[in-house]
Amino acid sequence: MQLSIVMPVYNEGKIIGQTIRQVESQVKIPHELLIIYDMDEDTTVPVVEKLQKKYPSVRLVKNIFGKGALNALKTGLKLAKGESVCVMMADLTDDPKVLDKMMDKFDQGYDVIAASRYMRGGQQIGGPLVKQVLSRVAGISLHFLVGLSTHDATNSFRLYSRKFLRNVKIESDGGFELALELTVKAHFDGYRVTEVPTTWTYSAKESRFYLKKWLPKYLKWYLWAINKKLHGYPKTEKNN
C-alpha cells in the first residue's frame, strides 16, 4: 500500500458521497481511504457503507481513542497501512488532485509535504478573515524566522512518511493544531519538509473554528518553534 488517506468526519452525510467520488476518481495511486468517525449515529456512516460496494478502497474506522478531531486523527495515523499517510478534510475544502504532486515529493525522499495556500501558485478561497490572517502570518513568519520549508504551517492537508510517524511523539491536546506540531517537530528533528501549491476552498455554512478555544493550541507550537530556533536546537538530517 503506497498511500493512506485519513479523513475525520462528523455528521458529513450530506457531502461525504461527493467527497469520496471526487477522491476516488482523481487519485490513481494505489491507496486506502480511511473515514474516521466517533459514533454509530453519525450521518456519515450509512452513506459510506453504501459506497463501499463501489469503492473497495474505502474503510470505515471508528475512533479508538475517544471522541474528537484529535483522537480521530490519531486513530487514522495509527491504523493507516500506507507507507505515506495524508490527512484530508471531508468537506471538499482540500483538492485531491494535489496528491499526485505530494506523492512525487514523497518519492523524492521528503517526510512531510504540505499542501500550501501561501506559496506561489497556492490560494485560499473564502473562510473567516481573522483565521486567514492569523494562519498566513504564522506560516510566513515561521518560514522566515525558523527556516521552515513551507509557507503554510497550519493547513491540515499534508502528507507524512511512515518513517516519520513511527518516530514522532504526538503531544497536541486539542485538534487540528496537530499539523503544526508535526511540521515543526519534523523540521527540528532533521526530517525533510517541503510544500506543493494548493487551492483551499471554504465551503462550510458555519465556521467550526472558535478563536478563543483554538488560538492557544496553535500558539503553543508556534512559540515552541521560535524557542527551539533561539536556543540553537541541533538539527541533523535523517537519512533512514
C-alpha atoms as a PDB file:
ATOM      1  CA  MET A   1       0.000   0.000   0.000  1.00  0.00           C
ATOM      2  CA  GLN A   2       1.590   3.257  -1.155  1.00  0.00           C
ATOM      3  CA  LEU A   3      -0.854   5.744   0.299  1.00  0.00           C
ATOM      4  CA  SER A   4      -3.363   6.006   3.123  1.00  0.00           C
ATOM      5  CA  ILE A   5      -5.756   8.956   3.169  1.00  0.00           C
ATOM      6  CA  VAL A   6      -7.082   9.756   6.647  1.00  0.00           C
ATOM      7  CA  MET A   7     -10.360  11.668   6.706  1.00  0.00           C
ATOM      8  CA  PRO A   8     -12.001  12.533  10.065  1.00  0.00           C
ATOM      9  CA  VAL A   9     -15.758  13.118   9.855  1.00  0.00           C
ATOM     10  CA  TYR A  10     -18.581  14.435  11.987  1.00  0.00           C
ATOM     11  CA  ASN A  11     -22.096  14.214  10.527  1.00  0.00           C
ATOM     12  CA  GLU A  12     -20.914  14.729   6.952  1.00  0.00           C
ATOM     13  CA  GLY A  13     -23.737  12.664   5.438  1.00  0.00           C
ATOM     14  CA  LYS A  14     -24.773  15.399   3.008  1.00  0.00           C
ATOM     15  CA  ILE A  15     -21.316  15.867   1.479  1.00  0.00           C
ATOM     16  CA  ILE A  16     -19.327  12.661   2.042  1.00  0.00           C
ATOM     17  CA  GLY A  17     -20.656  10.939  -1.064  1.00  0.00           C
ATOM     18  CA  GLN A  18     -19.428  13.738  -3.294  1.00  0.00           C
ATOM     19  CA  THR A  19     -16.114  13.825  -1.444  1.00  0.00           C
ATOM     20  CA  ILE A  20     -15.495  10.088  -1.831  1.00  0.00           C
ATOM     21  CA  ARG A  21     -16.421  10.126  -5.527  1.00  0.00           C
ATOM     22  CA  GLN A  22     -14.059  13.052  -6.103  1.00  0.00           C
ATOM     23  CA  VAL A  23     -11.163  11.390  -4.293  1.00  0.00           C
ATOM     24  CA  GLU A  24     -11.674   8.007  -5.932  1.00  0.00           C
ATOM     25  CA  SER A  25     -11.916   9.495  -9.424  1.00  0.00           C
ATOM     26  CA  GLN A  26      -8.848  11.712  -9.101  1.00  0.00           C
ATOM     27  CA  VAL A  27      -6.392   9.670  -7.013  1.00  0.00           C
ATOM     28  CA  LYS A  28      -4.930   6.976  -9.271  1.00  0.00           C
ATOM     29  CA  ILE A  29      -2.165   5.861  -6.889  1.00  0.00           C
ATOM     30  CA  PRO A  30      -2.934   2.578  -5.064  1.00  0.00           C
ATOM     31  CA  HIS A  31      -4.458   3.774  -1.805  1.00  0.00           C
ATOM     32  CA  GLU A  32      -6.912   3.293   1.009  1.00  0.00           C
ATOM     33  CA  LEU A  33      -9.342   5.959   2.232  1.00  0.00           C
ATOM     34  CA  LEU A  34      -9.987   5.784   5.981  1.00  0.00           C
ATOM     35  CA  ILE A  35     -13.189   7.503   7.108  1.00  0.00           C
ATOM     36  CA  ILE A  36     -12.773   8.043  10.856  1.00  0.00           C
ATOM     37  CA  TYR A  37     -15.989   8.550  12.844  1.00  0.00           C
ATOM     38  CA  ASP A  38     -16.847   8.900  16.545  1.00  0.00           C
ATOM     39  CA  MET A  39     -20.296   7.367  16.943  1.00  0.00           C
ATOM     40  CA  ASP A  40     -22.507   4.870  15.151  1.00  0.00           C
ATOM     41  CA  GLU A  41     -25.243   7.509  14.836  1.00  0.00           C
ATOM     42  CA  ASP A  42     -23.020   9.738  12.688  1.00  0.00           C
ATOM     43  CA  THR A  43     -24.887  10.587   9.465  1.00  0.00           C
ATOM     44  CA  THR A  44     -21.712   9.832   7.509  1.00  0.00           C
ATOM     45  CA  VAL A  45     -21.766   6.103   8.266  1.00  0.00           C
ATOM     46  CA  PRO A  46     -24.751   4.829   6.224  1.00  0.00           C
ATOM     47  CA  VAL A  47     -23.704   6.842   3.177  1.00  0.00           C
ATOM     48  CA  VAL A  48     -20.186   5.400   3.290  1.00  0.00           C
ATOM     49  CA  GLU A  49     -21.491   1.862   3.806  1.00  0.00           C
ATOM     50  CA  LYS A  50     -23.458   2.113   0.562  1.00  0.00           C
ATOM     51  CA  LEU A  51     -20.470   3.462  -1.363  1.00  0.00           C
ATOM     52  CA  GLN A  52     -18.079   0.784  -0.120  1.00  0.00           C
ATOM     53  CA  LYS A  53     -19.577  -1.692  -2.581  1.00  0.00           C
ATOM     54  CA  LYS A  54     -18.444   0.535  -5.445  1.00  0.00           C
ATOM     55  CA  TYR A  55     -15.210   1.728  -3.842  1.00  0.00           C
ATOM     56  CA  PRO A  56     -13.480  -1.160  -2.015  1.00  0.00           C
ATOM     57  CA  SER A  57     -10.547   1.081  -1.033  1.00  0.00           C
ATOM     58  CA  VAL A  58     -12.832   2.977   1.380  1.00  0.00           C
ATOM     59  CA  ARG A  59     -12.617   1.846   5.031  1.00  0.00           C
ATOM     60  CA  LEU A  60     -14.937   2.915   7.838  1.00  0.00           C
ATOM     61  CA  VAL A  61     -12.939   3.168  11.063  1.00  0.00           C
ATOM     62  CA  LYS A  62     -14.401   4.007  14.453  1.00  0.00           C
ATOM     63  CA  ASN A  63     -12.343   6.291  16.659  1.00  0.00           C
ATOM     64  CA  ILE A  64     -10.370   4.104  19.096  1.00  0.00           C
ATOM     65  CA  PHE A  65      -9.039   6.865  21.361  1.00  0.00           C
ATOM     66  CA  GLY A  66     -12.252   8.691  22.273  1.00  0.00           C
ATOM     67  CA  LYS A  67     -14.358  11.360  20.637  1.00  0.00           C
ATOM     68  CA  GLY A  68     -12.975  14.457  18.969  1.00  0.00           C
ATOM     69  CA  ALA A  69     -10.931  15.570  15.984  1.00  0.00           C
ATOM     70  CA  LEU A  70      -7.543  14.938  17.584  1.00  0.00           C
ATOM     71  CA  ASN A  71      -8.424  11.377  18.551  1.00  0.00           C
ATOM     72  CA  ALA A  72      -9.832  10.739  15.083  1.00  0.00           C
ATOM     73  CA  LEU A  73      -6.552  11.899  13.556  1.00  0.00           C
ATOM     74  CA  LYS A  74      -4.519   9.779  15.971  1.00  0.00           C
ATOM     75  CA  THR A  75      -6.698   6.772  15.140  1.00  0.00           C
ATOM     76  CA  GLY A  76      -6.159   7.272  11.429  1.00  0.00           C
ATOM     77  CA  LEU A  77      -2.409   7.774  11.729  1.00  0.00           C
ATOM     78  CA  LYS A  78      -2.111   4.637  13.873  1.00  0.00           C
ATOM     79  CA  LEU A  79      -4.255   2.320  11.743  1.00  0.00           C
ATOM     80  CA  ALA A  80      -3.181   3.509   8.295  1.00  0.00           C
ATOM     81  CA  LYS A  81      -1.373   0.843   6.297  1.00  0.00           C
ATOM     82  CA  GLY A  82       0.335   3.033   3.706  1.00  0.00           C
ATOM     83  CA  GLU A  83       4.000   3.988   3.530  1.00  0.00           C
ATOM     84  CA  SER A  84       2.715   7.544   3.197  1.00  0.00           C
ATOM     85  CA  VAL A  85      -0.248   8.957   5.117  1.00  0.00           C
ATOM     86  CA  CYS A  86      -2.206  12.012   4.009  1.00  0.00           C
ATOM     87  CA  VAL A  87      -4.718  13.897   6.160  1.00  0.00           C
ATOM     88  CA  MET A  88      -7.625  15.410   4.227  1.00  0.00           C
ATOM     89  CA  MET A  89     -10.851  17.094   5.260  1.00  0.00           C
ATOM     90  CA  ALA A  90     -14.223  15.625   4.310  1.00  0.00           C
ATOM     91  CA  ASP A  91     -15.918  18.886   3.302  1.00  0.00           C
ATOM     92  CA  LEU A  92     -14.312  19.419  -0.142  1.00  0.00           C
ATOM     93  CA  THR A  93     -12.023  22.197   1.095  1.00  0.00           C
ATOM     94  CA  ASP A  94      -8.972  20.156   0.018  1.00  0.00           C
ATOM     95  CA  ASP A  95      -8.214  19.402  -3.625  1.00  0.00           C
ATOM     96  CA  PRO A  96      -7.351  15.705  -4.130  1.00  0.00           C
ATOM     97  CA  LYS A  97      -5.654  16.440  -7.472  1.00  0.00           C
ATOM     98  CA  VAL A  98      -2.741  17.828  -5.455  1.00  0.00           C
ATOM     99  CA  LEU A  99      -1.993  14.338  -4.106  1.00  0.00           C
ATOM    100  CA  ASP A 100      -0.111  13.344  -7.257  1.00  0.00           C
ATOM    101  CA  LYS A 101       2.382  16.191  -6.695  1.00  0.00           C
ATOM    102  CA  MET A 102       2.605  15.372  -2.998  1.00  0.00           C
ATOM    103  CA  MET A 103       3.416  11.752  -3.809  1.00  0.00           C
ATOM    104  CA  ASP A 104       6.080  12.889  -6.279  1.00  0.00           C
ATOM    105  CA  LYS A 105       7.770  14.714  -3.399  1.00  0.00           C
ATOM    106  CA  PHE A 106       7.382  11.670  -1.162  1.00  0.00           C
ATOM    107  CA  ASP A 107       9.094   9.530  -3.817  1.00  0.00           C
ATOM    108  CA  GLN A 108      11.950  12.063  -3.772  1.00  0.00           C
ATOM    109  CA  GLY A 109      12.504  11.326  -0.078  1.00  0.00           C
ATOM    110  CA  TYR A 110      10.523  14.038   1.704  1.00  0.00           C
ATOM    111  CA  ASP A 111       8.873  13.154   5.022  1.00  0.00           C
ATOM    112  CA  VAL A 112       6.352  15.983   5.376  1.00  0.00           C
ATOM    113  CA  ILE A 113       4.729  17.502   2.299  1.00  0.00           C
ATOM    114  CA  ALA A 114       2.444  20.434   2.990  1.00  0.00           C
ATOM    115  CA  ALA A 115      -0.342  21.459   0.642  1.00  0.00           C
ATOM    116  CA  SER A 116       0.384  25.178   0.765  1.00  0.00           C
ATOM    117  CA  ARG A 117      -2.063  28.036   0.287  1.00  0.00           C
ATOM    118  CA  TYR A 118       0.598  30.696   0.748  1.00  0.00           C
ATOM    119  CA  MET A 119       3.391  29.725  -1.632  1.00  0.00           C
ATOM    120  CA  ARG A 120       3.481  30.869  -5.240  1.00  0.00           C
ATOM    121  CA  GLY A 121       0.641  29.154  -7.098  1.00  0.00           C
ATOM    122  CA  GLY A 122      -1.432  28.499  -3.970  1.00  0.00           C
ATOM    123  CA  GLN A 123      -4.536  30.326  -2.836  1.00  0.00           C
ATOM    124  CA  GLN A 124      -7.382  30.315  -0.352  1.00  0.00           C
ATOM    125  CA  ILE A 125     -10.954  30.993  -1.427  1.00  0.00           C
ATOM    126  CA  GLY A 126     -13.291  32.154   1.339  1.00  0.00           C
ATOM    127  CA  GLY A 127     -13.181  31.464   5.059  1.00  0.00           C
ATOM    128  CA  PRO A 128     -13.213  33.692   8.153  1.00  0.00           C
ATOM    129  CA  LEU A 129     -10.947  36.719   7.614  1.00  0.00           C
ATOM    130  CA  VAL A 130      -9.343  36.607  11.073  1.00  0.00           C
ATOM    131  CA  LYS A 131      -8.464  32.946  10.629  1.00  0.00           C
ATOM    132  CA  GLN A 132      -6.986  33.663   7.195  1.00  0.00           C
ATOM    133  CA  VAL A 133      -4.792  36.468   8.507  1.00  0.00           C
ATOM    134  CA  LEU A 134      -3.539  34.550  11.548  1.00  0.00           C
ATOM    135  CA  SER A 135      -2.803  31.431   9.510  1.00  0.00           C
ATOM    136  CA  ARG A 136      -0.928  33.355   6.815  1.00  0.00           C
ATOM    137  CA  VAL A 137       1.118  35.334   9.340  1.00  0.00           C
ATOM    138  CA  ALA A 138       2.020  32.166  11.269  1.00  0.00           C
ATOM    139  CA  GLY A 139       3.090  30.279   8.165  1.00  0.00           C
ATOM    140  CA  ILE A 140       5.122  33.013   6.527  1.00  0.00           C
ATOM    141  CA  SER A 141       6.787  34.151   9.755  1.00  0.00           C
ATOM    142  CA  LEU A 142       7.860  30.590  10.635  1.00  0.00           C
ATOM    143  CA  HIS A 143       9.221  30.201   7.119  1.00  0.00           C
ATOM    144  CA  PHE A 144      11.497  33.213   7.538  1.00  0.00           C
ATOM    145  CA  LEU A 145      12.190  33.159  11.284  1.00  0.00           C
ATOM    146  CA  VAL A 146      12.996  29.469  11.797  1.00  0.00           C
ATOM    147  CA  GLY A 147      13.649  28.342   8.221  1.00  0.00           C
ATOM    148  CA  LEU A 148      10.588  26.109   7.963  1.00  0.00           C
ATOM    149  CA  SER A 149      10.470  24.733   4.414  1.00  0.00           C
ATOM    150  CA  THR A 150       6.827  25.614   3.877  1.00  0.00           C
ATOM    151  CA  HIS A 151       4.922  28.906   3.842  1.00  0.00           C
ATOM    152  CA  ASP A 152       1.822  27.188   5.255  1.00  0.00           C
ATOM    153  CA  ALA A 153       2.431  25.667   8.666  1.00  0.00           C
ATOM    154  CA  THR A 154      -1.188  25.276   9.774  1.00  0.00           C
ATOM    155  CA  ASN A 155      -3.094  23.640   6.916  1.00  0.00           C
ATOM    156  CA  SER A 156      -4.073  20.102   7.971  1.00  0.00           C
ATOM    157  CA  PHE A 157      -3.875  18.861   4.377  1.00  0.00           C
ATOM    158  CA  ARG A 158      -0.420  17.312   4.309  1.00  0.00           C
ATOM    159  CA  LEU A 159       1.319  14.033   3.695  1.00  0.00           C
ATOM    160  CA  TYR A 160       3.646  12.257   6.130  1.00  0.00           C
ATOM    161  CA  SER A 161       6.082   9.405   5.698  1.00  0.00           C
ATOM    162  CA  ARG A 162       5.537   6.288   7.773  1.00  0.00           C
ATOM    163  CA  LYS A 163       9.192   6.613   8.844  1.00  0.00           C
ATOM    164  CA  PHE A 164       8.487   9.974  10.450  1.00  0.00           C
ATOM    165  CA  LEU A 165       5.199   8.951  12.066  1.00  0.00           C
ATOM    166  CA  ARG A 166       6.849   5.925  13.696  1.00  0.00           C
ATOM    167  CA  ASN A 167       9.332   8.145  15.494  1.00  0.00           C
ATOM    168  CA  VAL A 168       7.381  11.263  16.458  1.00  0.00           C
ATOM    169  CA  LYS A 169       5.581  11.682  19.780  1.00  0.00           C
ATOM    170  CA  ILE A 170       2.214  13.427  19.489  1.00  0.00           C
ATOM    171  CA  GLU A 171       1.667  15.925  22.295  1.00  0.00           C
ATOM    172  CA  SER A 172      -1.197  18.051  20.970  1.00  0.00           C
ATOM    173  CA  ASP A 173      -4.295  18.049  23.165  1.00  0.00           C
ATOM    174  CA  GLY A 174      -6.766  19.997  21.055  1.00  0.00           C
ATOM    175  CA  GLY A 175      -7.334  19.015  17.449  1.00  0.00           C
ATOM    176  CA  PHE A 176      -6.074  20.300  14.135  1.00  0.00           C
ATOM    177  CA  GLU A 177      -3.066  22.092  15.632  1.00  0.00           C
ATOM    178  CA  LEU A 178      -1.545  18.633  15.235  1.00  0.00           C
ATOM    179  CA  ALA A 179      -0.426  19.598  11.723  1.00  0.00           C
ATOM    180  CA  LEU A 180       1.642  22.479  13.104  1.00  0.00           C
ATOM    181  CA  GLU A 181       3.132  20.285  15.834  1.00  0.00           C
ATOM    182  CA  LEU A 182       4.164  17.549  13.407  1.00  0.00           C
ATOM    183  CA  THR A 183       5.619  20.004  10.900  1.00  0.00           C
ATOM    184  CA  VAL A 184       7.822  21.932  13.323  1.00  0.00           C
ATOM    185  CA  LYS A 185       8.966  18.720  15.013  1.00  0.00           C
ATOM    186  CA  ALA A 186       9.883  17.221  11.649  1.00  0.00           C
ATOM    187  CA  HIS A 187      11.863  20.354  10.795  1.00  0.00           C
ATOM    188  CA  PHE A 188      13.869  20.467  14.023  1.00  0.00           C
ATOM    189  CA  ASP A 189      14.422  16.705  14.125  1.00  0.00           C
ATOM    190  CA  GLY A 190      16.066  16.765  10.713  1.00  0.00           C
ATOM    191  CA  TYR A 191      13.323  15.249   8.570  1.00  0.00           C
ATOM    192  CA  ARG A 192      12.812  16.650   5.089  1.00  0.00           C
ATOM    193  CA  VAL A 193       9.909  19.099   4.777  1.00  0.00           C
ATOM    194  CA  THR A 194       8.595  20.658   1.577  1.00  0.00           C
ATOM    195  CA  GLU A 195       5.400  22.010   0.023  1.00  0.00           C
ATOM    196  CA  VAL A 196       3.286  21.992  -3.112  1.00  0.00           C
ATOM    197  CA  PRO A 197       0.737  24.670  -4.050  1.00  0.00           C
ATOM    198  CA  THR A 198      -2.941  24.044  -3.424  1.00  0.00           C
ATOM    199  CA  THR A 199      -6.244  25.879  -3.682  1.00  0.00           C
ATOM    200  CA  TRP A 200      -8.190  25.662  -0.430  1.00  0.00           C
ATOM    201  CA  THR A 201     -11.904  26.377  -0.872  1.00  0.00           C
ATOM    202  CA  TYR A 202     -14.070  27.241   2.104  1.00  0.00           C
ATOM    203  CA  SER A 203     -17.434  25.509   1.845  1.00  0.00           C
ATOM    204  CA  ALA A 204     -18.909  25.368   5.359  1.00  0.00           C
ATOM    205  CA  LYS A 205     -22.034  27.361   6.150  1.00  0.00           C
ATOM    206  CA  GLU A 206     -20.795  27.936   9.698  1.00  0.00           C
ATOM    207  CA  SER A 207     -17.214  28.004  10.867  1.00  0.00           C
ATOM    208  CA  ARG A 208     -16.181  25.392  13.434  1.00  0.00           C
ATOM    209  CA  PHE A 209     -13.060  27.405  14.242  1.00  0.00           C
ATOM    210  CA  TYR A 210     -13.531  29.148  17.581  1.00  0.00           C
ATOM    211  CA  LEU A 211     -10.715  31.646  18.082  1.00  0.00           C
ATOM    212  CA  LYS A 212     -10.589  31.651  21.893  1.00  0.00           C
ATOM    213  CA  LYS A 213     -10.525  27.858  22.000  1.00  0.00           C
ATOM    214  CA  TRP A 214      -8.037  27.084  19.231  1.00  0.00           C
ATOM    215  CA  LEU A 215      -5.634  30.035  19.172  1.00  0.00           C
ATOM    216  CA  PRO A 216      -3.748  28.993  22.360  1.00  0.00           C
ATOM    217  CA  LYS A 217      -3.302  25.484  20.921  1.00  0.00           C
ATOM    218  CA  TYR A 218      -1.651  26.793  17.757  1.00  0.00           C
ATOM    219  CA  LEU A 219       0.297  29.462  19.662  1.00  0.00           C
ATOM    220  CA  LYS A 220       1.878  26.764  21.849  1.00  0.00           C
ATOM    221  CA  TRP A 221       3.600  25.130  18.869  1.00  0.00           C
ATOM    222  CA  TYR A 222       4.389  28.421  17.167  1.00  0.00           C
ATOM    223  CA  LEU A 223       6.279  29.574  20.274  1.00  0.00           C
ATOM    224  CA  TRP A 224       7.833  26.107  20.653  1.00  0.00           C
ATOM    225  CA  ALA A 225       9.408  26.505  17.212  1.00  0.00           C
ATOM    226  CA  ILE A 226      10.621  30.040  17.928  1.00  0.00           C
ATOM    227  CA  ASN A 227      12.150  28.872  21.207  1.00  0.00           C
ATOM    228  CA  LYS A 228      13.959  25.980  19.520  1.00  0.00           C
ATOM    229  CA  LYS A 229      15.422  28.359  16.950  1.00  0.00           C
ATOM    230  CA  LEU A 230      16.545  30.889  19.556  1.00  0.00           C
ATOM    231  CA  HIS A 231      18.291  28.233  21.620  1.00  0.00           C
ATOM    232  CA  GLY A 232      20.120  26.680  18.707  1.00  0.00           C
ATOM    233  CA  TYR A 233      18.285  23.353  18.713  1.00  0.00           C
ATOM    234  CA  PRO A 234      20.548  20.817  16.959  1.00  0.00           C
ATOM    235  CA  LYS A 235      19.206  19.679  13.615  1.00  0.00           C
ATOM    236  CA  THR A 236      20.624  16.572  11.969  1.00  0.00           C
ATOM    237  CA  GLU A 237      19.086  15.397   8.714  1.00  0.00           C
ATOM    238  CA  LYS A 238      17.539  11.945   8.911  1.00  0.00           C
ATOM    239  CA  ASN A 239      18.854   9.592   6.257  1.00  0.00           C
ATOM    240  CA  ASN A 240      16.828   6.481   7.059  1.00  0.00           C
END
